[in-house]
Amino acid sequence: MTEEAPTLGEILRTAREAVGWSLSRMGQATGFSKPYLSKLETGEKEVKSWHIDAYDKALGGDSVRRRALLKMGAGLVSQAVWSELEIPAATPTRFDPPDLGALDASVDMLTSLGLKHGGKAAAAAARGQLRYAAALLDMDMPDKIRESLLTTVGRLADRTAWSMADTGQLGRASRIYDFALLLTPDSAQRWLTLVNLASLRLDEASPQQALNLLDRAEPDVPVLRFLLMSTRANAYAQLGDFSRTIRCIGEADEAHDAVNLSDLPAAVRPYASGHDAHAHAAGGKALYVLARGGHRKAAPLAGRRLEAAIDAFGAERARAITSCRDRLSRLA
């Protein structure tokens, strides 16, 4: 006998009881009366997105909203997010499990396109795919399928945000990254999105905000740890902290050496291309920032790492090669 999925009211009640709060205390925290909350939790009143937001705000975090996504589908996609995507999407008429495979393949394709040619080449396609995939959430499907779809929509949102950031649309990208973090139940994808959001903060010259985003228990997956430490190295480089930058580069190198390309999380599989060059490129970028900030001894170190990256990248990473060459020319 299969266990029925919880209702939205039960999700609210479970979250409240998990922290030992009474209805009265939740009422004080949310501004809703005790009888009103009781009706929400028992199903006598319909739970809306603002009720979910109120519980999350009171309890801290987004756990209630994330669980509710399995029930509410695209109803939790705010109009602000839809407006960022711009492209209208027809309401899908059906969804079959094999469609998940096609959507996953499209994420890999968009990632490869962005890595080779940049965000401008992938932006329109990514927005269109994201709108279509998010609209699928309103359709009836088993919870297991919906959870897999949420992971895919989260990947698409991450790719869309990356494309926007790469074309200078930093504010819009930030909102889509937040949407990606809300959606995905996949821990590896959440780490990748956190790293990408932190990189966006670095583009905004806000290194401390980037470090704050990454100030949490470190992942035990080598490739994710490599991305984390590389991003931290760049943040410390922006802050002009030579010793911490070097230490993070060393830890990134160690994590890179431990990466097993045959056992990568799905979220980062497209990044296997150019693997041998990643550590050189990431270290070279952080050292370049230090050199440009006045640390003279960082310049020759940056030059050697960037040259090694250019030699190791293949044609499929043409954009990364161009970035390394541009940094080298600025060091000269």
C-alpha atoms as a PDB file:
ATOM      1  CA  MET A   1       0.000   0.000   0.000  1.00  0.00           C
ATOM      2  CA  THR A   2       1.508   3.334  -1.088  1.00  0.00           C
ATOM      3  CA  GLU A   3       1.638   6.223   1.350  1.00  0.00           C
ATOM      4  CA  GLU A   4      -0.307   9.293   0.274  1.00  0.00           C
ATOM      5  CA  ALA A   5       1.705  12.475  -0.276  1.00  0.00           C
ATOM      6  CA  PRO A   6       1.066  15.162   2.357  1.00  0.00           C
ATOM      7  CA  THR A   7      -1.370  17.970   1.635  1.00  0.00           C
ATOM      8  CA  LEU A   8      -0.201  21.577   1.724  1.00  0.00           C
ATOM      9  CA  GLY A   9      -1.837  21.999   5.109  1.00  0.00           C
ATOM     10  CA  GLU A  10       0.006  18.952   6.428  1.00  0.00           C
ATOM     11  CA  ILE A  11       3.279  20.406   5.110  1.00  0.00           C
ATOM     12  CA  LEU A  12       2.623  23.576   7.106  1.00  0.00           C
ATOM     13  CA  ARG A  13       1.726  21.632  10.236  1.00  0.00           C
ATOM     14  CA  THR A  14       4.746  19.313   9.976  1.00  0.00           C
ATOM     15  CA  ALA A  15       7.120  22.271   9.600  1.00  0.00           C
ATOM     16  CA  ARG A  16       5.599  23.998  12.647  1.00  0.00           C
ATOM     17  CA  GLU A  17       5.634  20.888  14.821  1.00  0.00           C
ATOM     18  CA  ALA A  18       9.225  20.070  13.804  1.00  0.00           C
ATOM     19  CA  VAL A  19      10.422  23.128  15.742  1.00  0.00           C
ATOM     20  CA  GLY A  20       8.001  22.566  18.625  1.00  0.00           C
ATOM     21  CA  TRP A  21       5.867  25.637  17.954  1.00  0.00           C
ATOM     22  CA  SER A  22       2.226  25.922  18.959  1.00  0.00           C
ATOM     23  CA  LEU A  23      -0.392  27.460  16.691  1.00  0.00           C
ATOM     24  CA  SER A  24      -0.402  30.489  18.977  1.00  0.00           C
ATOM     25  CA  ARG A  25       3.337  31.043  18.586  1.00  0.00           C
ATOM     26  CA  MET A  26       3.109  30.620  14.805  1.00  0.00           C
ATOM     27  CA  GLY A  27       0.262  33.107  14.793  1.00  0.00           C
ATOM     28  CA  GLN A  28       2.432  35.651  16.608  1.00  0.00           C
ATOM     29  CA  ALA A  29       5.268  35.059  14.134  1.00  0.00           C
ATOM     30  CA  THR A  30       3.139  35.230  10.964  1.00  0.00           C
ATOM     31  CA  GLY A  31       0.439  37.744  11.893  1.00  0.00           C
ATOM     32  CA  PHE A  32      -2.380  35.250  11.217  1.00  0.00           C
ATOM     33  CA  SER A  33      -4.839  34.243  13.910  1.00  0.00           C
ATOM     34  CA  LYS A  34      -4.688  30.828  15.580  1.00  0.00           C
ATOM     35  CA  PRO A  35      -8.119  29.737  14.196  1.00  0.00           C
ATOM     36  CA  TYR A  36      -7.100  30.861  10.697  1.00  0.00           C
ATOM     37  CA  LEU A  37      -3.864  28.855  10.815  1.00  0.00           C
ATOM     38  CA  SER A  38      -5.750  25.834  12.161  1.00  0.00           C
ATOM     39  CA  LYS A  39      -8.060  25.924   9.132  1.00  0.00           C
ATOM     40  CA  LEU A  40      -5.052  26.170   6.796  1.00  0.00           C
ATOM     41  CA  GLU A  41      -3.357  23.197   8.383  1.00  0.00           C
ATOM     42  CA  THR A  42      -6.484  21.029   8.429  1.00  0.00           C
ATOM     43  CA  GLY A  43      -7.463  21.841   4.850  1.00  0.00           C
ATOM     44  CA  GLU A  44     -10.553  23.897   5.645  1.00  0.00           C
ATOM     45  CA  LYS A  45      -8.930  26.877   3.924  1.00  0.00           C
ATOM     46  CA  GLU A  46      -6.890  26.778   0.723  1.00  0.00           C
ATOM     47  CA  VAL A  47      -3.148  27.286   1.244  1.00  0.00           C
ATOM     48  CA  LYS A  48      -1.721  30.063  -0.926  1.00  0.00           C
ATOM     49  CA  SER A  49       1.866  30.933  -1.753  1.00  0.00           C
ATOM     50  CA  TRP A  50       1.856  33.849   0.738  1.00  0.00           C
ATOM     51  CA  HIS A  51       0.960  31.453   3.569  1.00  0.00           C
ATOM     52  CA  ILE A  52       3.966  29.309   2.647  1.00  0.00           C
ATOM     53  CA  ASP A  53       6.169  32.402   2.519  1.00  0.00           C
ATOM     54  CA  ALA A  54       4.933  33.447   5.966  1.00  0.00           C
ATOM     55  CA  TYR A  55       5.827  30.058   7.485  1.00  0.00           C
ATOM     56  CA  ASP A  56       9.285  30.092   5.887  1.00  0.00           C
ATOM     57  CA  LYS A  57       9.938  33.648   7.054  1.00  0.00           C
ATOM     58  CA  ALA A  58       8.909  32.727  10.580  1.00  0.00           C
ATOM     59  CA  LEU A  59      10.954  29.525  10.673  1.00  0.00           C
ATOM     60  CA  GLY A  60      13.917  30.739   8.608  1.00  0.00           C
ATOM     61  CA  GLY A  61      15.013  29.194   5.312  1.00  0.00           C
ATOM     62  CA  ASP A  62      12.892  27.859   2.465  1.00  0.00           C
ATOM     63  CA  SER A  63      12.090  24.280   3.525  1.00  0.00           C
ATOM     64  CA  VAL A  64       8.311  24.754   3.498  1.00  0.00           C
ATOM     65  CA  ARG A  65       8.307  26.303   0.046  1.00  0.00           C
ATOM     66  CA  ARG A  66      10.578  23.602  -1.335  1.00  0.00           C
ATOM     67  CA  ARG A  67       8.293  20.824  -0.069  1.00  0.00           C
ATOM     68  CA  ALA A  68       5.231  22.662  -1.353  1.00  0.00           C
ATOM     69  CA  LEU A  69       6.692  22.808  -4.848  1.00  0.00           C
ATOM     70  CA  LEU A  70       5.908  19.122  -5.211  1.00  0.00           C
ATOM     71  CA  LYS A  71       2.259  20.036  -4.720  1.00  0.00           C
ATOM     72  CA  MET A  72       1.805  23.474  -6.239  1.00  0.00           C
ATOM     73  CA  GLY A  73       3.940  23.158  -9.349  1.00  0.00           C
ATOM     74  CA  ALA A  74       4.307  26.279 -11.455  1.00  0.00           C
ATOM     75  CA  GLY A  75       1.900  28.092  -9.159  1.00  0.00           C
ATOM     76  CA  LEU A  76       4.926  28.919  -7.029  1.00  0.00           C
ATOM     77  CA  VAL A  77       6.790  30.458  -9.974  1.00  0.00           C
ATOM     78  CA  SER A  78       6.366  34.138  -9.257  1.00  0.00           C
ATOM     79  CA  GLN A  79       5.296  36.592 -11.938  1.00  0.00           C
ATOM     80  CA  ALA A  80       8.612  38.365 -11.426  1.00  0.00           C
ATOM     81  CA  VAL A  81      10.447  35.239 -12.590  1.00  0.00           C
ATOM     82  CA  TRP A  82       8.137  34.777 -15.588  1.00  0.00           C
ATOM     83  CA  SER A  83       8.723  38.378 -16.636  1.00  0.00           C
ATOM     84  CA  GLU A  84      12.492  37.864 -16.544  1.00  0.00           C
ATOM     85  CA  LEU A  85      12.139  35.050 -19.073  1.00  0.00           C
ATOM     86  CA  GLU A  86      10.221  37.270 -21.538  1.00  0.00           C
ATOM     87  CA  ILE A  87       9.450  34.474 -23.996  1.00  0.00           C
ATOM     88  CA  PRO A  88       5.777  33.391 -23.964  1.00  0.00           C
ATOM     89  CA  ALA A  89       5.171  29.664 -23.622  1.00  0.00           C
ATOM     90  CA  ALA A  90       2.123  27.691 -24.736  1.00  0.00           C
ATOM     91  CA  THR A  91       0.619  25.525 -22.008  1.00  0.00           C
ATOM     92  CA  PRO A  92       1.807  21.933 -22.550  1.00  0.00           C
ATOM     93  CA  THR A  93      -0.969  19.445 -23.252  1.00  0.00           C
ATOM     94  CA  ARG A  94       0.820  16.340 -21.987  1.00  0.00           C
ATOM     95  CA  PHE A  95       3.987  15.129 -20.330  1.00  0.00           C
ATOM     96  CA  ASP A  96       5.551  11.698 -20.588  1.00  0.00           C
ATOM     97  CA  PRO A  97       8.491  10.401 -18.508  1.00  0.00           C
ATOM     98  CA  PRO A  98      10.733  10.117 -21.618  1.00  0.00           C
ATOM     99  CA  ASP A  99      10.369  13.902 -21.998  1.00  0.00           C
ATOM    100  CA  LEU A 100      12.603  14.215 -18.932  1.00  0.00           C
ATOM    101  CA  GLY A 101      15.479  12.647 -20.849  1.00  0.00           C
ATOM    102  CA  ALA A 102      14.996  15.097 -23.707  1.00  0.00           C
ATOM    103  CA  LEU A 103      14.984  18.057 -21.310  1.00  0.00           C
ATOM    104  CA  ASP A 104      18.132  16.805 -19.579  1.00  0.00           C
ATOM    105  CA  ALA A 105      19.838  16.471 -22.950  1.00  0.00           C
ATOM    106  CA  SER A 106      18.840  20.037 -23.775  1.00  0.00           C
ATOM    107  CA  VAL A 107      20.520  21.267 -20.574  1.00  0.00           C
ATOM    108  CA  ASP A 108      23.761  19.541 -21.588  1.00  0.00           C
ATOM    109  CA  MET A 109      23.482  21.058 -25.060  1.00  0.00           C
ATOM    110  CA  LEU A 110      22.895  24.557 -23.683  1.00  0.00           C
ATOM    111  CA  THR A 111      25.847  24.153 -21.315  1.00  0.00           C
ATOM    112  CA  SER A 112      28.153  23.081 -24.141  1.00  0.00           C
ATOM    113  CA  LEU A 113      26.936  25.964 -26.283  1.00  0.00           C
ATOM    114  CA  GLY A 114      27.603  28.452 -23.502  1.00  0.00           C
ATOM    115  CA  LEU A 115      31.036  27.040 -22.712  1.00  0.00           C
ATOM    116  CA  LYS A 116      32.118  27.297 -26.327  1.00  0.00           C
ATOM    117  CA  HIS A 117      30.475  30.534 -27.459  1.00  0.00           C
ATOM    118  CA  GLY A 118      29.318  32.369 -24.326  1.00  0.00           C
ATOM    119  CA  GLY A 119      25.971  33.281 -22.823  1.00  0.00           C
ATOM    120  CA  LYS A 120      24.689  35.304 -25.754  1.00  0.00           C
ATOM    121  CA  ALA A 121      24.554  32.197 -27.936  1.00  0.00           C
ATOM    122  CA  ALA A 122      22.564  30.234 -25.352  1.00  0.00           C
ATOM    123  CA  ALA A 123      20.375  32.858 -23.668  1.00  0.00           C
ATOM    124  CA  ALA A 124      17.235  32.791 -25.856  1.00  0.00           C
ATOM    125  CA  ALA A 125      17.158  28.995 -26.080  1.00  0.00           C
ATOM    126  CA  ALA A 126      17.687  28.644 -22.333  1.00  0.00           C
ATOM    127  CA  ARG A 127      14.849  31.050 -21.503  1.00  0.00           C
ATOM    128  CA  GLY A 128      12.454  29.245 -23.833  1.00  0.00           C
ATOM    129  CA  GLN A 129      13.316  25.816 -22.480  1.00  0.00           C
ATOM    130  CA  LEU A 130      12.970  27.014 -18.891  1.00  0.00           C
ATOM    131  CA  ARG A 131       9.519  28.498 -19.463  1.00  0.00           C
ATOM    132  CA  TYR A 132       8.342  25.303 -21.140  1.00  0.00           C
ATOM    133  CA  ALA A 133       9.800  23.036 -18.448  1.00  0.00           C
ATOM    134  CA  ALA A 134       8.415  25.137 -15.562  1.00  0.00           C
ATOM    135  CA  ALA A 135       4.961  25.097 -17.152  1.00  0.00           C
ATOM    136  CA  LEU A 136       5.064  21.288 -17.068  1.00  0.00           C
ATOM    137  CA  LEU A 137       4.974  21.466 -13.276  1.00  0.00           C
ATOM    138  CA  ASP A 138       1.255  22.266 -13.428  1.00  0.00           C
ATOM    139  CA  MET A 139       0.469  18.912 -15.016  1.00  0.00           C
ATOM    140  CA  ASP A 140      -0.601  15.790 -13.134  1.00  0.00           C
ATOM    141  CA  MET A 141       2.225  13.313 -12.594  1.00  0.00           C
ATOM    142  CA  PRO A 142       3.523  11.017  -9.846  1.00  0.00           C
ATOM    143  CA  ASP A 143       5.518  12.778  -7.128  1.00  0.00           C
ATOM    144  CA  LYS A 144       8.632  10.798  -8.084  1.00  0.00           C
ATOM    145  CA  ILE A 145       8.453  12.105 -11.658  1.00  0.00           C
ATOM    146  CA  ARG A 146       7.718  15.630 -10.420  1.00  0.00           C
ATOM    147  CA  GLU A 147      10.792  15.548  -8.181  1.00  0.00           C
ATOM    148  CA  SER A 148      12.959  14.538 -11.150  1.00  0.00           C
ATOM    149  CA  LEU A 149      11.361  17.310 -13.196  1.00  0.00           C
ATOM    150  CA  LEU A 150      12.170  19.835 -10.454  1.00  0.00           C
ATOM    151  CA  THR A 151      15.829  18.824 -10.683  1.00  0.00           C
ATOM    152  CA  THR A 152      15.778  19.381 -14.446  1.00  0.00           C
ATOM    153  CA  VAL A 153      13.972  22.723 -14.147  1.00  0.00           C
ATOM    154  CA  GLY A 154      16.564  23.745 -11.560  1.00  0.00           C
ATOM    155  CA  ARG A 155      19.362  22.878 -14.004  1.00  0.00           C
ATOM    156  CA  LEU A 156      17.643  24.880 -16.748  1.00  0.00           C
ATOM    157  CA  ALA A 157      17.195  27.845 -14.413  1.00  0.00           C
ATOM    158  CA  ASP A 158      20.898  27.710 -13.533  1.00  0.00           C
ATOM    159  CA  ARG A 159      21.853  27.675 -17.233  1.00  0.00           C
ATOM    160  CA  THR A 160      19.470  30.531 -17.996  1.00  0.00           C
ATOM    161  CA  ALA A 161      20.856  32.631 -15.150  1.00  0.00           C
ATOM    162  CA  TRP A 162      24.428  31.902 -16.239  1.00  0.00           C
ATOM    163  CA  SER A 163      23.614  33.065 -19.784  1.00  0.00           C
ATOM    164  CA  MET A 164      22.065  36.263 -18.448  1.00  0.00           C
ATOM    165  CA  ALA A 165      25.049  36.954 -16.191  1.00  0.00           C
ATOM    166  CA  ASP A 166      27.485  36.308 -19.023  1.00  0.00           C
ATOM    167  CA  THR A 167      25.738  38.972 -21.108  1.00  0.00           C
ATOM    168  CA  GLY A 168      25.846  41.526 -18.284  1.00  0.00           C
ATOM    169  CA  GLN A 169      22.271  41.131 -17.024  1.00  0.00           C
ATOM    170  CA  LEU A 170      23.423  40.634 -13.441  1.00  0.00           C
ATOM    171  CA  GLY A 171      20.273  41.690 -11.588  1.00  0.00           C
ATOM    172  CA  ARG A 172      18.035  39.499 -13.715  1.00  0.00           C
ATOM    173  CA  ALA A 173      20.463  36.593 -13.430  1.00  0.00           C
ATOM    174  CA  SER A 174      20.455  36.866  -9.634  1.00  0.00           C
ATOM    175  CA  ARG A 175      16.674  36.431  -9.489  1.00  0.00           C
ATOM    176  CA  ILE A 176      16.784  33.362 -11.728  1.00  0.00           C
ATOM    177  CA  TYR A 177      19.618  31.864  -9.645  1.00  0.00           C
ATOM    178  CA  ASP A 178      17.438  32.297  -6.534  1.00  0.00           C
ATOM    179  CA  PHE A 179      14.651  30.505  -8.407  1.00  0.00           C
ATOM    180  CA  ALA A 180      17.062  27.663  -9.304  1.00  0.00           C
ATOM    181  CA  LEU A 181      18.099  27.280  -5.654  1.00  0.00           C
ATOM    182  CA  LEU A 182      14.464  27.125  -4.589  1.00  0.00           C
ATOM    183  CA  LEU A 183      13.551  24.439  -7.088  1.00  0.00           C
ATOM    184  CA  THR A 184      16.244  21.824  -7.199  1.00  0.00           C
ATOM    185  CA  PRO A 185      16.220  18.960  -4.684  1.00  0.00           C
ATOM    186  CA  ASP A 186      19.618  17.820  -6.009  1.00  0.00           C
ATOM    187  CA  SER A 187      22.485  18.719  -3.640  1.00  0.00           C
ATOM    188  CA  ALA A 188      25.145  18.775  -6.364  1.00  0.00           C
ATOM    189  CA  GLN A 189      23.053  21.124  -8.487  1.00  0.00           C
ATOM    190  CA  ARG A 190      22.487  23.391  -5.481  1.00  0.00           C
ATOM    191  CA  TRP A 191      26.254  23.620  -4.953  1.00  0.00           C
ATOM    192  CA  LEU A 192      26.848  24.414  -8.609  1.00  0.00           C
ATOM    193  CA  THR A 193      24.209  27.152  -8.507  1.00  0.00           C
ATOM    194  CA  LEU A 194      25.647  28.563  -5.277  1.00  0.00           C
ATOM    195  CA  VAL A 195      29.093  28.728  -6.898  1.00  0.00           C
ATOM    196  CA  ASN A 196      27.624  30.419  -9.972  1.00  0.00           C
ATOM    197  CA  LEU A 197      25.721  32.921  -7.826  1.00  0.00           C
ATOM    198  CA  ALA A 198      28.898  33.643  -5.850  1.00  0.00           C
ATOM    199  CA  SER A 199      30.733  34.218  -9.147  1.00  0.00           C
ATOM    200  CA  LEU A 200      28.026  36.708 -10.082  1.00  0.00           C
ATOM    201  CA  ARG A 201      28.685  38.552  -6.812  1.00  0.00           C
ATOM    202  CA  LEU A 202      32.356  38.685  -7.814  1.00  0.00           C
ATOM    203  CA  ASP A 203      31.322  40.202 -11.151  1.00  0.00           C
ATOM    204  CA  GLU A 204      29.531  42.841  -9.087  1.00  0.00           C
ATOM    205  CA  ALA A 205      32.786  43.409  -7.131  1.00  0.00           C
ATOM    206  CA  SER A 206      31.186  42.093  -3.927  1.00  0.00           C
ATOM    207  CA  PRO A 207      33.710  39.477  -2.762  1.00  0.00           C
ATOM    208  CA  GLN A 208      32.509  39.365   0.835  1.00  0.00           C
ATOM    209  CA  GLN A 209      28.978  38.580  -0.313  1.00  0.00           C
ATOM    210  CA  ALA A 210      30.415  35.778  -2.431  1.00  0.00           C
ATOM    211  CA  LEU A 211      32.254  34.352   0.568  1.00  0.00           C
ATOM    212  CA  ASN A 212      29.108  34.599   2.703  1.00  0.00           C
ATOM    213  CA  LEU A 213      27.182  32.543   0.141  1.00  0.00           C
ATOM    214  CA  LEU A 214      29.812  29.806   0.290  1.00  0.00           C
ATOM    215  CA  ASP A 215      30.186  29.842   4.085  1.00  0.00           C
ATOM    216  CA  ARG A 216      28.610  26.455   4.777  1.00  0.00           C
ATOM    217  CA  ALA A 217      29.628  22.819   5.252  1.00  0.00           C
ATOM    218  CA  GLU A 218      31.887  21.935   2.333  1.00  0.00           C
ATOM    219  CA  PRO A 219      30.829  19.224  -0.161  1.00  0.00           C
ATOM    220  CA  ASP A 220      32.708  15.925  -0.074  1.00  0.00           C
ATOM    221  CA  VAL A 221      32.522  15.526  -3.880  1.00  0.00           C
ATOM    222  CA  PRO A 222      35.952  16.512  -5.288  1.00  0.00           C
ATOM    223  CA  VAL A 223      34.671  18.356  -8.367  1.00  0.00           C
ATOM    224  CA  LEU A 224      32.292  20.461  -6.257  1.00  0.00           C
ATOM    225  CA  ARG A 225      35.033  21.165  -3.736  1.00  0.00           C
ATOM    226  CA  PHE A 226      37.278  22.253  -6.621  1.00  0.00           C
ATOM    227  CA  LEU A 227      34.646  24.718  -7.846  1.00  0.00           C
ATOM    228  CA  LEU A 228      34.076  25.978  -4.289  1.00  0.00           C
ATOM    229  CA  MET A 229      37.769  26.549  -3.508  1.00  0.00           C
ATOM    230  CA  SER A 230      38.416  28.158  -6.906  1.00  0.00           C
ATOM    231  CA  THR A 231      35.613  30.641  -6.304  1.00  0.00           C
ATOM    232  CA  ARG A 232      36.856  31.382  -2.806  1.00  0.00           C
ATOM    233  CA  ALA A 233      40.344  31.984  -4.245  1.00  0.00           C
ATOM    234  CA  ASN A 234      38.917  34.602  -6.591  1.00  0.00           C
ATOM    235  CA  ALA A 235      36.995  36.245  -3.753  1.00  0.00           C
ATOM    236  CA  TYR A 236      40.106  36.521  -1.580  1.00  0.00           C
ATOM    237  CA  ALA A 237      42.053  37.809  -4.590  1.00  0.00           C
ATOM    238  CA  GLN A 238      39.509  40.626  -5.000  1.00  0.00           C
ATOM    239  CA  LEU A 239      40.000  41.411  -1.316  1.00  0.00           C
ATOM    240  CA  GLY A 240      43.765  41.543  -1.911  1.00  0.00           C
ATOM    241  CA  ASP A 241      44.472  38.711   0.543  1.00  0.00           C
ATOM    242  CA  PHE A 242      47.524  37.026  -1.026  1.00  0.00           C
ATOM    243  CA  SER A 243      48.032  34.241   1.517  1.00  0.00           C
ATOM    244  CA  ARG A 244      44.394  33.093   1.598  1.00  0.00           C
ATOM    245  CA  THR A 245      44.224  33.191  -2.189  1.00  0.00           C
ATOM    246  CA  ILE A 246      47.283  30.957  -2.479  1.00  0.00           C
ATOM    247  CA  ARG A 247      45.926  28.588   0.166  1.00  0.00           C
ATOM    248  CA  CYS A 248      42.578  28.264  -1.658  1.00  0.00           C
ATOM    249  CA  ILE A 249      44.349  27.678  -4.977  1.00  0.00           C
ATOM    250  CA  GLY A 250      46.332  24.869  -3.332  1.00  0.00           C
ATOM    251  CA  GLU A 251      43.158  23.281  -1.952  1.00  0.00           C
ATOM    252  CA  ALA A 252      41.477  23.642  -5.343  1.00  0.00           C
ATOM    253  CA  ASP A 253      44.431  21.887  -6.988  1.00  0.00           C
ATOM    254  CA  GLU A 254      44.190  19.019  -4.491  1.00  0.00           C
ATOM    255  CA  ALA A 255      40.466  18.616  -5.115  1.00  0.00           C
ATOM    256  CA  HIS A 256      41.035  18.751  -8.873  1.00  0.00           C
ATOM    257  CA  ASP A 257      43.577  15.932  -8.651  1.00  0.00           C
ATOM    258  CA  ALA A 258      41.002  13.792  -6.835  1.00  0.00           C
ATOM    259  CA  VAL A 259      38.260  14.205  -9.464  1.00  0.00           C
ATOM    260  CA  ASN A 260      37.076  10.950 -11.040  1.00  0.00           C
ATOM    261  CA  LEU A 261      35.719  11.816 -14.479  1.00  0.00           C
ATOM    262  CA  SER A 262      33.813   8.529 -14.674  1.00  0.00           C
ATOM    263  CA  ASP A 263      31.846   9.362 -11.504  1.00  0.00           C
ATOM    264  CA  LEU A 264      30.694  12.960 -11.899  1.00  0.00           C
ATOM    265  CA  PRO A 265      27.324  14.236 -10.625  1.00  0.00           C
ATOM    266  CA  ALA A 266      24.898  14.877 -13.481  1.00  0.00           C
ATOM    267  CA  ALA A 267      24.946  18.602 -12.727  1.00  0.00           C
ATOM    268  CA  VAL A 268      28.631  18.919 -13.639  1.00  0.00           C
ATOM    269  CA  ARG A 269      29.086  16.247 -16.316  1.00  0.00           C
ATOM    270  CA  PRO A 270      29.349  18.818 -19.151  1.00  0.00           C
ATOM    271  CA  TYR A 271      32.354  20.362 -17.397  1.00  0.00           C
ATOM    272  CA  ALA A 272      34.426  17.226 -18.016  1.00  0.00           C
ATOM    273  CA  SER A 273      35.526  18.762 -21.305  1.00  0.00           C
ATOM    274  CA  GLY A 274      38.786  20.566 -20.744  1.00  0.00           C
ATOM    275  CA  HIS A 275      39.237  18.962 -17.328  1.00  0.00           C
ATOM    276  CA  ASP A 276      43.052  19.020 -17.500  1.00  0.00           C
ATOM    277  CA  ALA A 277      42.970  22.800 -17.968  1.00  0.00           C
ATOM    278  CA  HIS A 278      40.449  23.775 -15.289  1.00  0.00           C
ATOM    279  CA  ALA A 279      42.868  23.988 -12.362  1.00  0.00           C
ATOM    280  CA  HIS A 280      45.351  26.077 -14.372  1.00  0.00           C
ATOM    281  CA  ALA A 281      42.610  28.416 -15.612  1.00  0.00           C
ATOM    282  CA  ALA A 282      41.025  28.864 -12.168  1.00  0.00           C
ATOM    283  CA  GLY A 283      44.353  29.414 -10.414  1.00  0.00           C
ATOM    284  CA  GLY A 284      45.538  31.710 -13.171  1.00  0.00           C
ATOM    285  CA  LYS A 285      42.411  33.834 -12.917  1.00  0.00           C
ATOM    286  CA  ALA A 286      42.801  34.349  -9.150  1.00  0.00           C
ATOM    287  CA  LEU A 287      46.521  35.125  -9.487  1.00  0.00           C
ATOM    288  CA  TYR A 288      45.714  37.536 -12.329  1.00  0.00           C
ATOM    289  CA  VAL A 289      43.332  39.424 -10.025  1.00  0.00           C
ATOM    290  CA  LEU A 290      46.073  39.662  -7.397  1.00  0.00           C
ATOM    291  CA  ALA A 291      48.586  40.864  -9.979  1.00  0.00           C
ATOM    292  CA  ARG A 292      46.210  43.532 -11.261  1.00  0.00           C
ATOM    293  CA  GLY A 293      45.680  44.587  -7.650  1.00  0.00           C
ATOM    294  CA  GLY A 294      49.367  45.331  -7.194  1.00  0.00           C
ATOM    295  CA  HIS A 295      50.852  42.035  -5.982  1.00  0.00           C
ATOM    296  CA  ARG A 296      53.857  41.879  -8.310  1.00  0.00           C
ATOM    297  CA  LYS A 297      54.979  38.389  -7.378  1.00  0.00           C
ATOM    298  CA  ALA A 298      51.578  37.062  -8.507  1.00  0.00           C
ATOM    299  CA  ALA A 299      52.136  38.162 -12.127  1.00  0.00           C
ATOM    300  CA  PRO A 300      54.661  35.476 -13.200  1.00  0.00           C
ATOM    301  CA  LEU A 301      52.651  32.805 -11.373  1.00  0.00           C
ATOM    302  CA  ALA A 302      49.506  33.920 -13.179  1.00  0.00           C
ATOM    303  CA  GLY A 303      51.298  33.899 -16.531  1.00  0.00           C
ATOM    304  CA  ARG A 304      52.485  30.316 -16.123  1.00  0.00           C
ATOM    305  CA  ARG A 305      49.066  29.038 -15.079  1.00  0.00           C
ATOM    306  CA  LEU A 306      47.251  30.836 -17.895  1.00  0.00           C
ATOM    307  CA  GLU A 307      49.696  29.568 -20.518  1.00  0.00           C
ATOM    308  CA  ALA A 308      49.293  26.017 -19.225  1.00  0.00           C
ATOM    309  CA  ALA A 309      45.500  26.374 -19.429  1.00  0.00           C
ATOM    310  CA  ILE A 310      45.641  27.569 -23.035  1.00  0.00           C
ATOM    311  CA  ASP A 311      47.768  24.569 -23.981  1.00  0.00           C
ATOM    312  CA  ALA A 312      45.446  22.109 -22.209  1.00  0.00           C
ATOM    313  CA  PHE A 313      42.035  23.386 -23.362  1.00  0.00           C
ATOM    314  CA  GLY A 314      40.551  21.861 -26.509  1.00  0.00           C
ATOM    315  CA  ALA A 315      38.643  23.532 -29.330  1.00  0.00           C
ATOM    316  CA  GLU A 316      35.327  22.924 -27.541  1.00  0.00           C
ATOM    317  CA  ARG A 317      36.462  25.428 -24.909  1.00  0.00           C
ATOM    318  CA  ALA A 318      37.279  28.235 -27.334  1.00  0.00           C
ATOM    319  CA  ARG A 319      35.738  30.830 -25.062  1.00  0.00           C
ATOM    320  CA  ALA A 320      37.897  29.809 -22.086  1.00  0.00           C
ATOM    321  CA  ILE A 321      41.008  30.003 -24.273  1.00  0.00           C
ATOM    322  CA  THR A 322      40.055  33.511 -25.352  1.00  0.00           C
ATOM    323  CA  SER A 323      39.574  34.571 -21.703  1.00  0.00           C
ATOM    324  CA  CYS A 324      42.993  33.189 -20.720  1.00  0.00           C
ATOM    325  CA  ARG A 325      44.683  34.922 -23.648  1.00  0.00           C
ATOM    326  CA  ASP A 326      42.989  38.198 -22.786  1.00  0.00           C
ATOM    327  CA  ARG A 327      44.300  38.011 -19.202  1.00  0.00           C
ATOM    328  CA  LEU A 328      47.787  37.162 -20.449  1.00  0.00           C
ATOM    329  CA  SER A 329      47.792  40.193 -22.728  1.00  0.00           C
ATOM    330  CA  ARG A 330      46.776  42.455 -19.829  1.00  0.00           C
ATOM    331  CA  LEU A 331      49.633  41.101 -17.734  1.00  0.00           C
ATOM    332  CA  ALA A 332      52.203  41.917 -20.417  1.00  0.00           C
END
